[in-house]
Amino acid sequence: IVPIVMAGVLGIYGLIVAVILTQAIRPPSSGGYTTYSMYNGYAHMAAGLCCGISCLAAGGTIGVIGDAGVQAFGLKASGGKRSWALGSDGDGDVGLGGNSE
């Protein structure tokens, strides 16, 4: 449940950054002139990309760590025995290449 909560926090963080960035954008005046410069546009794009890419990397890391945790919990619950490693007779003796000699 921790990876799910952390992923939700990252999504809300991105939403907060988007709301903060949109507060700086003003509509053009009646004459068609705008106060939103190219500098502001590129600065906001860089801030959005920074937030998005870092959340993407963090989300991938959370997924990998969550997967490792699930596998470790499954191995602990099975008593350290892996079901795919059992031999054809079920004794768990598997040689190289899967031959049970």
PDB file of N, CA and C in Angstrom:
ATOM      1  N   ILE A   1       0.821  -1.192   0.000  1.00  0.00           N
ATOM      2  CA  ILE A   1       0.000   0.000   0.000  1.00  0.00           C
ATOM      3  C   ILE A   1       0.873   1.267   0.000  1.00  0.00           C
ATOM      4  N   VAL A   2       2.089   1.162   0.494  1.00  0.00           N
ATOM      5  CA  VAL A   2       2.978   2.318   0.541  1.00  0.00           C
ATOM      6  C   VAL A   2       3.319   2.819  -0.869  1.00  0.00           C
ATOM      7  N   PRO A   3       3.647   1.948  -1.834  1.00  0.00           N
ATOM      8  CA  PRO A   3       3.916   2.473  -3.182  1.00  0.00           C
ATOM      9  C   PRO A   3       2.706   3.178  -3.794  1.00  0.00           C
ATOM     10  N   ILE A   4       1.517   2.707  -3.507  1.00  0.00           N
ATOM     11  CA  ILE A   4       0.321   3.346  -4.057  1.00  0.00           C
ATOM     12  C   ILE A   4       0.140   4.736  -3.464  1.00  0.00           C
ATOM     13  N   VAL A   5       0.340   4.867  -2.163  1.00  0.00           N
ATOM     14  CA  VAL A   5       0.214   6.170  -1.505  1.00  0.00           C
ATOM     15  C   VAL A   5       1.285   7.128  -2.008  1.00  0.00           C
ATOM     16  N   MET A   6       2.516   6.632  -2.167  1.00  0.00           N
ATOM     17  CA  MET A   6       3.597   7.494  -2.650  1.00  0.00           C
ATOM     18  C   MET A   6       3.342   7.950  -4.077  1.00  0.00           C
ATOM     19  N   ALA A   7       2.806   7.084  -4.915  1.00  0.00           N
ATOM     20  CA  ALA A   7       2.485   7.476  -6.286  1.00  0.00           C
ATOM     21  C   ALA A   7       1.384   8.540  -6.295  1.00  0.00           C
ATOM     22  N   GLY A   8       0.414   8.404  -5.407  1.00  0.00           N
ATOM     23  CA  GLY A   8      -0.624   9.423  -5.295  1.00  0.00           C
ATOM     24  C   GLY A   8      -0.067  10.758  -4.834  1.00  0.00           C
ATOM     25  N   VAL A   9       0.875  10.744  -3.921  1.00  0.00           N
ATOM     26  CA  VAL A   9       1.507  11.976  -3.451  1.00  0.00           C
ATOM     27  C   VAL A   9       2.254  12.649  -4.593  1.00  0.00           C
ATOM     28  N   LEU A  10       2.945  11.860  -5.419  1.00  0.00           N
ATOM     29  CA  LEU A  10       3.658  12.441  -6.558  1.00  0.00           C
ATOM     30  C   LEU A  10       2.684  13.071  -7.548  1.00  0.00           C
ATOM     31  N   GLY A  11       1.543  12.443  -7.766  1.00  0.00           N
ATOM     32  CA  GLY A  11       0.540  13.009  -8.665  1.00  0.00           C
ATOM     33  C   GLY A  11      -0.021  14.315  -8.134  1.00  0.00           C
ATOM     34  N   ILE A  12      -0.275  14.375  -6.846  1.00  0.00           N
ATOM     35  CA  ILE A  12      -0.782  15.605  -6.244  1.00  0.00           C
ATOM     36  C   ILE A  12       0.292  16.691  -6.282  1.00  0.00           C
ATOM     37  N   TYR A  13       1.543  16.306  -6.113  1.00  0.00           N
ATOM     38  CA  TYR A  13       2.634  17.273  -6.208  1.00  0.00           C
ATOM     39  C   TYR A  13       2.675  17.895  -7.598  1.00  0.00           C
ATOM     40  N   GLY A  14       2.519  17.093  -8.633  1.00  0.00           N
ATOM     41  CA  GLY A  14       2.479  17.617  -9.997  1.00  0.00           C
ATOM     42  C   GLY A  14       1.301  18.550 -10.215  1.00  0.00           C
ATOM     43  N   LEU A  15       0.161  18.222  -9.634  1.00  0.00           N
ATOM     44  CA  LEU A  15      -1.024  19.078  -9.748  1.00  0.00           C
ATOM     45  C   LEU A  15      -0.785  20.418  -9.055  1.00  0.00           C
ATOM     46  N   ILE A  16      -0.142  20.415  -7.907  1.00  0.00           N
ATOM     47  CA  ILE A  16       0.156  21.656  -7.192  1.00  0.00           C
ATOM     48  C   ILE A  16       1.097  22.531  -8.007  1.00  0.00           C
ATOM     49  N   VAL A  17       2.116  21.930  -8.610  1.00  0.00           N
ATOM     50  CA  VAL A  17       3.045  22.695  -9.445  1.00  0.00           C
ATOM     51  C   VAL A  17       2.307  23.290 -10.643  1.00  0.00           C
ATOM     52  N   ALA A  18       1.405  22.538 -11.248  1.00  0.00           N
ATOM     53  CA  ALA A  18       0.639  23.049 -12.386  1.00  0.00           C
ATOM     54  C   ALA A  18      -0.236  24.226 -11.986  1.00  0.00           C
ATOM     55  N   VAL A  19      -0.865  24.157 -10.832  1.00  0.00           N
ATOM     56  CA  VAL A  19      -1.709  25.266 -10.369  1.00  0.00           C
ATOM     57  C   VAL A  19      -0.868  26.504 -10.095  1.00  0.00           C
ATOM     58  N   ILE A  20       0.287  26.333  -9.490  1.00  0.00           N
ATOM     59  CA  ILE A  20       1.171  27.476  -9.210  1.00  0.00           C
ATOM     60  C   ILE A  20       1.633  28.116 -10.510  1.00  0.00           C
ATOM     61  N   LEU A  21       1.975  27.299 -11.504  1.00  0.00           N
ATOM     62  CA  LEU A  21       2.443  27.846 -12.776  1.00  0.00           C
ATOM     63  C   LEU A  21       1.333  28.575 -13.524  1.00  0.00           C
ATOM     64  N   THR A  22       0.115  28.068 -13.478  1.00  0.00           N
ATOM     65  CA  THR A  22      -0.964  28.722 -14.218  1.00  0.00           C
ATOM     66  C   THR A  22      -1.389  30.037 -13.575  1.00  0.00           C
ATOM     67  N   GLN A  23      -1.056  30.253 -12.312  1.00  0.00           N
ATOM     68  CA  GLN A  23      -1.392  31.522 -11.666  1.00  0.00           C
ATOM     69  C   GLN A  23      -0.605  32.687 -12.263  1.00  0.00           C
ATOM     70  N   ALA A  24       0.534  32.427 -12.868  1.00  0.00           N
ATOM     71  CA  ALA A  24       1.374  33.485 -13.427  1.00  0.00           C
ATOM     72  C   ALA A  24       0.965  33.853 -14.854  1.00  0.00           C
ATOM     73  N   ILE A  25       0.075  33.100 -15.463  1.00  0.00           N
ATOM     74  CA  ILE A  25      -0.332  33.369 -16.841  1.00  0.00           C
ATOM     75  C   ILE A  25      -1.527  34.302 -16.825  1.00  0.00           C
ATOM     76  N   ARG A  26      -1.401  35.414 -17.528  1.00  0.00           N
ATOM     77  CA  ARG A  26      -2.477  36.401 -17.615  1.00  0.00           C
ATOM     78  C   ARG A  26      -2.958  36.491 -19.058  1.00  0.00           C
ATOM     79  N   PRO A  27      -4.246  36.729 -19.266  1.00  0.00           N
ATOM     80  CA  PRO A  27      -4.746  36.882 -20.642  1.00  0.00           C
ATOM     81  C   PRO A  27      -4.231  38.172 -21.271  1.00  0.00           C
ATOM     82  N   PRO A  28      -4.202  38.224 -22.590  1.00  0.00           N
ATOM     83  CA  PRO A  28      -3.741  39.455 -23.264  1.00  0.00           C
ATOM     84  C   PRO A  28      -4.687  40.623 -22.985  1.00  0.00           C
ATOM     85  N   SER A  29      -4.148  41.820 -23.079  1.00  0.00           N
ATOM     86  CA  SER A  29      -4.962  43.012 -22.878  1.00  0.00           C
ATOM     87  C   SER A  29      -5.891  43.204 -24.077  1.00  0.00           C
ATOM     88  N   SER A  30      -6.742  44.213 -24.008  1.00  0.00           N
ATOM     89  CA  SER A  30      -7.699  44.444 -25.096  1.00  0.00           C
ATOM     90  C   SER A  30      -6.999  44.799 -26.405  1.00  0.00           C
ATOM     91  N   GLY A  31      -5.801  45.318 -26.338  1.00  0.00           N
ATOM     92  CA  GLY A  31      -5.049  45.660 -27.544  1.00  0.00           C
ATOM     93  C   GLY A  31      -4.316  44.464 -28.130  1.00  0.00           C
ATOM     94  N   GLY A  32      -4.365  43.308 -27.480  1.00  0.00           N
ATOM     95  CA  GLY A  32      -3.697  42.118 -27.976  1.00  0.00           C
ATOM     96  C   GLY A  32      -2.290  41.937 -27.442  1.00  0.00           C
ATOM     97  N   TYR A  33      -1.863  42.815 -26.558  1.00  0.00           N
ATOM     98  CA  TYR A  33      -0.521  42.709 -25.991  1.00  0.00           C
ATOM     99  C   TYR A  33      -0.556  41.833 -24.746  1.00  0.00           C
ATOM    100  N   THR A  34       0.488  41.084 -24.588  1.00  0.00           N
ATOM    101  CA  THR A  34       0.572  40.183 -23.435  1.00  0.00           C
ATOM    102  C   THR A  34       1.797  40.505 -22.590  1.00  0.00           C
ATOM    103  N   THR A  35       1.709  40.211 -21.318  1.00  0.00           N
ATOM    104  CA  THR A  35       2.849  40.404 -20.423  1.00  0.00           C
ATOM    105  C   THR A  35       3.599  39.099 -20.206  1.00  0.00           C
ATOM    106  N   TYR A  36       3.144  38.050 -20.849  1.00  0.00           N
ATOM    107  CA  TYR A  36       3.774  36.729 -20.705  1.00  0.00           C
ATOM    108  C   TYR A  36       4.881  36.622 -21.745  1.00  0.00           C
ATOM    109  N   SER A  37       6.117  36.762 -21.298  1.00  0.00           N
ATOM    110  CA  SER A  37       7.245  36.773 -22.230  1.00  0.00           C
ATOM    111  C   SER A  37       7.697  35.362 -22.581  1.00  0.00           C
ATOM    112  N   MET A  38       8.568  35.274 -23.556  1.00  0.00           N
ATOM    113  CA  MET A  38       9.138  33.972 -23.916  1.00  0.00           C
ATOM    114  C   MET A  38       9.990  33.423 -22.772  1.00  0.00           C
ATOM    115  N   TYR A  39      10.621  34.320 -22.033  1.00  0.00           N
ATOM    116  CA  TYR A  39      11.414  33.884 -20.877  1.00  0.00           C
ATOM    117  C   TYR A  39      10.522  33.180 -19.866  1.00  0.00           C
ATOM    118  N   ASN A  40       9.379  33.770 -19.569  1.00  0.00           N
ATOM    119  CA  ASN A  40       8.450  33.141 -18.629  1.00  0.00           C
ATOM    120  C   ASN A  40       7.944  31.811 -19.177  1.00  0.00           C
ATOM    121  N   GLY A  41       7.685  31.767 -20.464  1.00  0.00           N
ATOM    122  CA  GLY A  41       7.212  30.521 -21.075  1.00  0.00           C
ATOM    123  C   GLY A  41       8.225  29.395 -20.950  1.00  0.00           C
ATOM    124  N   TYR A  42       9.483  29.705 -21.276  1.00  0.00           N
ATOM    125  CA  TYR A  42      10.525  28.678 -21.167  1.00  0.00           C
ATOM    126  C   TYR A  42      10.807  28.312 -19.707  1.00  0.00           C
ATOM    127  N   ALA A  43      10.716  29.298 -18.809  1.00  0.00           N
ATOM    128  CA  ALA A  43      10.924  28.999 -17.388  1.00  0.00           C
ATOM    129  C   ALA A  43       9.826  28.075 -16.869  1.00  0.00           C
ATOM    130  N   HIS A  44       8.584  28.328 -17.273  1.00  0.00           N
ATOM    131  CA  HIS A  44       7.486  27.473 -16.833  1.00  0.00           C
ATOM    132  C   HIS A  44       7.566  26.095 -17.479  1.00  0.00           C
ATOM    133  N   MET A  45       7.998  26.038 -18.745  1.00  0.00           N
ATOM    134  CA  MET A  45       8.168  24.736 -19.383  1.00  0.00           C
ATOM    135  C   MET A  45       9.264  23.927 -18.679  1.00  0.00           C
ATOM    136  N   ALA A  46      10.362  24.582 -18.318  1.00  0.00           N
ATOM    137  CA  ALA A  46      11.445  23.888 -17.617  1.00  0.00           C
ATOM    138  C   ALA A  46      10.980  23.403 -16.241  1.00  0.00           C
ATOM    139  N   ALA A  47      10.187  24.223 -15.558  1.00  0.00           N
ATOM    140  CA  ALA A  47       9.684  23.808 -14.246  1.00  0.00           C
ATOM    141  C   ALA A  47       8.744  22.611 -14.383  1.00  0.00           C
ATOM    142  N   GLY A  48       7.888  22.618 -15.402  1.00  0.00           N
ATOM    143  CA  GLY A  48       6.981  21.495 -15.626  1.00  0.00           C
ATOM    144  C   GLY A  48       7.720  20.224 -16.004  1.00  0.00           C
ATOM    145  N   LEU A  49       8.720  20.361 -16.870  1.00  0.00           N
ATOM    146  CA  LEU A  49       9.514  19.187 -17.256  1.00  0.00           C
ATOM    147  C   LEU A  49      10.305  18.638 -16.076  1.00  0.00           C
ATOM    148  N   CYS A  50      10.853  19.527 -15.268  1.00  0.00           N
ATOM    149  CA  CYS A  50      11.611  19.087 -14.086  1.00  0.00           C
ATOM    150  C   CYS A  50      10.709  18.305 -13.140  1.00  0.00           C
ATOM    151  N   CYS A  51       9.529  18.829 -12.877  1.00  0.00           N
ATOM    152  CA  CYS A  51       8.591  18.150 -11.985  1.00  0.00           C
ATOM    153  C   CYS A  51       8.126  16.829 -12.600  1.00  0.00           C
ATOM    154  N   GLY A  52       7.775  16.857 -13.885  1.00  0.00           N
ATOM    155  CA  GLY A  52       7.260  15.660 -14.538  1.00  0.00           C
ATOM    156  C   GLY A  52       8.279  14.542 -14.647  1.00  0.00           C
ATOM    157  N   ILE A  53       9.481  14.880 -15.070  1.00  0.00           N
ATOM    158  CA  ILE A  53      10.500  13.844 -15.254  1.00  0.00           C
ATOM    159  C   ILE A  53      10.961  13.286 -13.906  1.00  0.00           C
ATOM    160  N   SER A  54      11.076  14.149 -12.896  1.00  0.00           N
ATOM    161  CA  SER A  54      11.483  13.633 -11.588  1.00  0.00           C
ATOM    162  C   SER A  54      10.387  12.751 -10.990  1.00  0.00           C
ATOM    163  N   CYS A  55       9.121  13.108 -11.201  1.00  0.00           N
ATOM    164  CA  CYS A  55       8.029  12.252 -10.722  1.00  0.00           C
ATOM    165  C   CYS A  55       7.992  10.938 -11.498  1.00  0.00           C
ATOM    166  N   LEU A  56       8.303  10.993 -12.795  1.00  0.00           N
ATOM    167  CA  LEU A  56       8.352   9.764 -13.594  1.00  0.00           C
ATOM    168  C   LEU A  56       9.446   8.830 -13.093  1.00  0.00           C
ATOM    169  N   ALA A  57      10.623   9.382 -12.815  1.00  0.00           N
ATOM    170  CA  ALA A  57      11.732   8.568 -12.294  1.00  0.00           C
ATOM    171  C   ALA A  57      11.400   8.016 -10.912  1.00  0.00           C
ATOM    172  N   ALA A  58      10.812   8.853 -10.073  1.00  0.00           N
ATOM    173  CA  ALA A  58      10.451   8.391  -8.731  1.00  0.00           C
ATOM    174  C   ALA A  58       9.368   7.318  -8.802  1.00  0.00           C
ATOM    175  N   GLY A  59       8.417   7.478  -9.714  1.00  0.00           N
ATOM    176  CA  GLY A  59       7.371   6.469  -9.869  1.00  0.00           C
ATOM    177  C   GLY A  59       7.925   5.134 -10.347  1.00  0.00           C
ATOM    178  N   GLY A  60       8.880   5.179 -11.279  1.00  0.00           N
ATOM    179  CA  GLY A  60       9.515   3.941 -11.717  1.00  0.00           C
ATOM    180  C   GLY A  60      10.272   3.261 -10.596  1.00  0.00           C
ATOM    181  N   THR A  61      10.954   4.050  -9.790  1.00  0.00           N
ATOM    182  CA  THR A  61      11.689   3.500  -8.656  1.00  0.00           C
ATOM    183  C   THR A  61      10.741   2.894  -7.627  1.00  0.00           C
ATOM    184  N   ILE A  62       9.626   3.581  -7.380  1.00  0.00           N
ATOM    185  CA  ILE A  62       8.637   3.054  -6.447  1.00  0.00           C
ATOM    186  C   ILE A  62       8.101   1.718  -6.951  1.00  0.00           C
ATOM    187  N   GLY A  63       7.885   1.605  -8.263  1.00  0.00           N
ATOM    188  CA  GLY A  63       7.397   0.353  -8.834  1.00  0.00           C
ATOM    189  C   GLY A  63       8.392  -0.781  -8.678  1.00  0.00           C
ATOM    190  N   VAL A  64       9.658  -0.501  -8.927  1.00  0.00           N
ATOM    191  CA  VAL A  64      10.684  -1.536  -8.801  1.00  0.00           C
ATOM    192  C   VAL A  64      10.814  -1.984  -7.344  1.00  0.00           C
ATOM    193  N   ILE A  65      10.833  -1.022  -6.435  1.00  0.00           N
ATOM    194  CA  ILE A  65      10.960  -1.361  -5.015  1.00  0.00           C
ATOM    195  C   ILE A  65       9.722  -2.103  -4.529  1.00  0.00           C
ATOM    196  N   GLY A  66       8.539  -1.692  -4.997  1.00  0.00           N
ATOM    197  CA  GLY A  66       7.308  -2.394  -4.620  1.00  0.00           C
ATOM    198  C   GLY A  66       7.297  -3.819  -5.127  1.00  0.00           C
ATOM    199  N   ASP A  67       7.791  -4.023  -6.349  1.00  0.00           N
ATOM    200  CA  ASP A  67       7.861  -5.377  -6.907  1.00  0.00           C
ATOM    201  C   ASP A  67       8.817  -6.248  -6.096  1.00  0.00           C
ATOM    202  N   ALA A  68       9.963  -5.691  -5.731  1.00  0.00           N
ATOM    203  CA  ALA A  68      10.922  -6.456  -4.922  1.00  0.00           C
ATOM    204  C   ALA A  68      10.327  -6.800  -3.556  1.00  0.00           C
ATOM    205  N   GLY A  69       9.563  -5.869  -2.993  1.00  0.00           N
ATOM    206  CA  GLY A  69       8.935  -6.133  -1.706  1.00  0.00           C
ATOM    207  C   GLY A  69       7.893  -7.232  -1.781  1.00  0.00           C
ATOM    208  N   VAL A  70       7.113  -7.239  -2.848  1.00  0.00           N
ATOM    209  CA  VAL A  70       6.099  -8.285  -3.021  1.00  0.00           C
ATOM    210  C   VAL A  70       6.766  -9.645  -3.201  1.00  0.00           C
ATOM    211  N   GLN A  71       7.836  -9.691  -3.993  1.00  0.00           N
ATOM    212  CA  GLN A  71       8.531 -10.960  -4.192  1.00  0.00           C
ATOM    213  C   GLN A  71       9.161 -11.450  -2.895  1.00  0.00           C
ATOM    214  N   ALA A  72       9.747 -10.542  -2.121  1.00  0.00           N
ATOM    215  CA  ALA A  72      10.362 -10.946  -0.856  1.00  0.00           C
ATOM    216  C   ALA A  72       9.302 -11.444   0.128  1.00  0.00           C
ATOM    217  N   PHE A  73       8.146 -10.775   0.149  1.00  0.00           N
ATOM    218  CA  PHE A  73       7.074 -11.219   1.041  1.00  0.00           C
ATOM    219  C   PHE A  73       6.555 -12.589   0.614  1.00  0.00           C
ATOM    220  N   GLY A  74       6.439 -12.806  -0.706  1.00  0.00           N
ATOM    221  CA  GLY A  74       5.996 -14.121  -1.184  1.00  0.00           C
ATOM    222  C   GLY A  74       6.984 -15.213  -0.847  1.00  0.00           C
ATOM    223  N   LEU A  75       8.271 -14.916  -0.947  1.00  0.00           N
ATOM    224  CA  LEU A  75       9.291 -15.902  -0.604  1.00  0.00           C
ATOM    225  C   LEU A  75       9.266 -16.204   0.894  1.00  0.00           C
ATOM    226  N   LYS A  76       9.036 -15.174   1.698  1.00  0.00           N
ATOM    227  CA  LYS A  76       8.954 -15.376   3.147  1.00  0.00           C
ATOM    228  C   LYS A  76       7.716 -16.196   3.506  1.00  0.00           C
ATOM    229  N   ALA A  77       6.597 -15.928   2.841  1.00  0.00           N
ATOM    230  CA  ALA A  77       5.356 -16.647   3.132  1.00  0.00           C
ATOM    231  C   ALA A  77       5.425 -18.106   2.710  1.00  0.00           C
ATOM    232  N   SER A  78       6.232 -18.411   1.683  1.00  0.00           N
ATOM    233  CA  SER A  78       6.331 -19.788   1.219  1.00  0.00           C
ATOM    234  C   SER A  78       7.390 -20.578   1.985  1.00  0.00           C
ATOM    235  N   GLY A  79       8.006 -19.983   2.953  1.00  0.00           N
ATOM    236  CA  GLY A  79       9.013 -20.683   3.750  1.00  0.00           C
ATOM    237  C   GLY A  79      10.344 -20.795   3.046  1.00  0.00           C
ATOM    238  N   GLY A  80      10.608 -19.922   2.093  1.00  0.00           N
ATOM    239  CA  GLY A  80      11.881 -19.938   1.384  1.00  0.00           C
ATOM    240  C   GLY A  80      11.926 -20.884   0.213  1.00  0.00           C
ATOM    241  N   LYS A  81      10.825 -21.563  -0.103  1.00  0.00           N
ATOM    242  CA  LYS A  81      10.794 -22.491  -1.229  1.00  0.00           C
ATOM    243  C   LYS A  81      10.147 -21.809  -2.419  1.00  0.00           C
ATOM    244  N   ARG A  82      10.790 -21.931  -3.550  1.00  0.00           N
ATOM    245  CA  ARG A  82      10.233 -21.376  -4.778  1.00  0.00           C
ATOM    246  C   ARG A  82       9.529 -22.498  -5.526  1.00  0.00           C
ATOM    247  N   SER A  83       8.304 -22.242  -5.915  1.00  0.00           N
ATOM    248  CA  SER A  83       7.518 -23.311  -6.542  1.00  0.00           C
ATOM    249  C   SER A  83       8.081 -23.705  -7.898  1.00  0.00           C
ATOM    250  N   TRP A  84       8.694 -22.794  -8.621  1.00  0.00           N
ATOM    251  CA  TRP A  84       9.222 -23.125  -9.932  1.00  0.00           C
ATOM    252  C   TRP A  84      10.514 -23.925  -9.841  1.00  0.00           C
ATOM    253  N   ALA A  85      11.149 -23.959  -8.666  1.00  0.00           N
ATOM    254  CA  ALA A  85      12.425 -24.652  -8.508  1.00  0.00           C
ATOM    255  C   ALA A  85      12.251 -26.112  -8.079  1.00  0.00           C
ATOM    256  N   LEU A  86      11.032 -26.566  -7.904  1.00  0.00           N
ATOM    257  CA  LEU A  86      10.827 -27.953  -7.493  1.00  0.00           C
ATOM    258  C   LEU A  86      11.087 -28.892  -8.668  1.00  0.00           C
ATOM    259  N   GLY A  87      11.635 -30.018  -8.359  1.00  0.00           N
ATOM    260  CA  GLY A  87      11.888 -31.021  -9.389  1.00  0.00           C
ATOM    261  C   GLY A  87      10.593 -31.687  -9.827  1.00  0.00           C
ATOM    262  N   SER A  88      10.718 -32.625 -10.763  1.00  0.00           N
ATOM    263  CA  SER A  88       9.524 -33.296 -11.277  1.00  0.00           C
ATOM    264  C   SER A  88       8.853 -34.159 -10.198  1.00  0.00           C
ATOM    265  N   ASP A  89       9.652 -34.635  -9.234  1.00  0.00           N
ATOM    266  CA  ASP A  89       9.069 -35.437  -8.166  1.00  0.00           C
ATOM    267  C   ASP A  89       8.706 -34.600  -6.940  1.00  0.00           C
ATOM    268  N   GLY A  90       8.952 -33.273  -7.006  1.00  0.00           N
ATOM    269  CA  GLY A  90       8.545 -32.381  -5.942  1.00  0.00           C
ATOM    270  C   GLY A  90       9.468 -32.333  -4.747  1.00  0.00           C
ATOM    271  N   ASP A  91      10.693 -32.924  -4.876  1.00  0.00           N
ATOM    272  CA  ASP A  91      11.585 -32.932  -3.725  1.00  0.00           C
ATOM    273  C   ASP A  91      12.468 -31.686  -3.649  1.00  0.00           C
ATOM    274  N   GLY A  92      12.456 -30.881  -4.683  1.00  0.00           N
ATOM    275  CA  GLY A  92      13.228 -29.651  -4.656  1.00  0.00           C
ATOM    276  C   GLY A  92      14.659 -29.813  -5.105  1.00  0.00           C
ATOM    277  N   ASP A  93      15.098 -31.031  -5.458  1.00  0.00           N
ATOM    278  CA  ASP A  93      16.464 -31.240  -5.926  1.00  0.00           C
ATOM    279  C   ASP A  93      16.512 -31.026  -7.431  1.00  0.00           C
ATOM    280  N   VAL A  94      17.063 -29.907  -7.830  1.00  0.00           N
ATOM    281  CA  VAL A  94      17.172 -29.590  -9.243  1.00  0.00           C
ATOM    282  C   VAL A  94      18.646 -29.376  -9.549  1.00  0.00           C
ATOM    283  N   GLY A  95      19.146 -30.127 -10.501  1.00  0.00           N
ATOM    284  CA  GLY A  95      20.538 -29.976 -10.913  1.00  0.00           C
ATOM    285  C   GLY A  95      20.674 -28.901 -11.960  1.00  0.00           C
ATOM    286  N   LEU A  96      21.849 -28.839 -12.570  1.00  0.00           N
ATOM    287  CA  LEU A  96      22.069 -27.864 -13.630  1.00  0.00           C
ATOM    288  C   LEU A  96      21.187 -28.173 -14.814  1.00  0.00           C
ATOM    289  N   GLY A  97      20.609 -27.128 -15.375  1.00  0.00           N
ATOM    290  CA  GLY A  97      19.770 -27.316 -16.547  1.00  0.00           C
ATOM    291  C   GLY A  97      18.412 -27.910 -16.225  1.00  0.00           C
ATOM    292  N   GLY A  98      18.075 -28.051 -14.993  1.00  0.00           N
ATOM    293  CA  GLY A  98      16.764 -28.567 -14.620  1.00  0.00           C
ATOM    294  C   GLY A  98      16.698 -30.079 -14.532  1.00  0.00           C
ATOM    295  N   ASN A  99      17.822 -30.771 -14.704  1.00  0.00           N
ATOM    296  CA  ASN A  99      17.821 -32.229 -14.585  1.00  0.00           C
ATOM    297  C   ASN A  99      17.807 -32.613 -13.111  1.00  0.00           C
ATOM    298  N   SER A 100      16.901 -33.477 -12.743  1.00  0.00           N
ATOM    299  CA  SER A 100      16.853 -33.908 -11.342  1.00  0.00           C
ATOM    300  C   SER A 100      17.577 -35.233 -11.214  1.00  0.00           C
ATOM    301  N   GLU A 101      18.891 -35.138 -11.066  1.00  0.00           N
ATOM    302  CA  GLU A 101      19.727 -36.336 -10.955  1.00  0.00           C
ATOM    303  C   GLU A 101      20.217 -36.495  -9.548  1.00  0.00           C
TER     304      GLU A 101
END
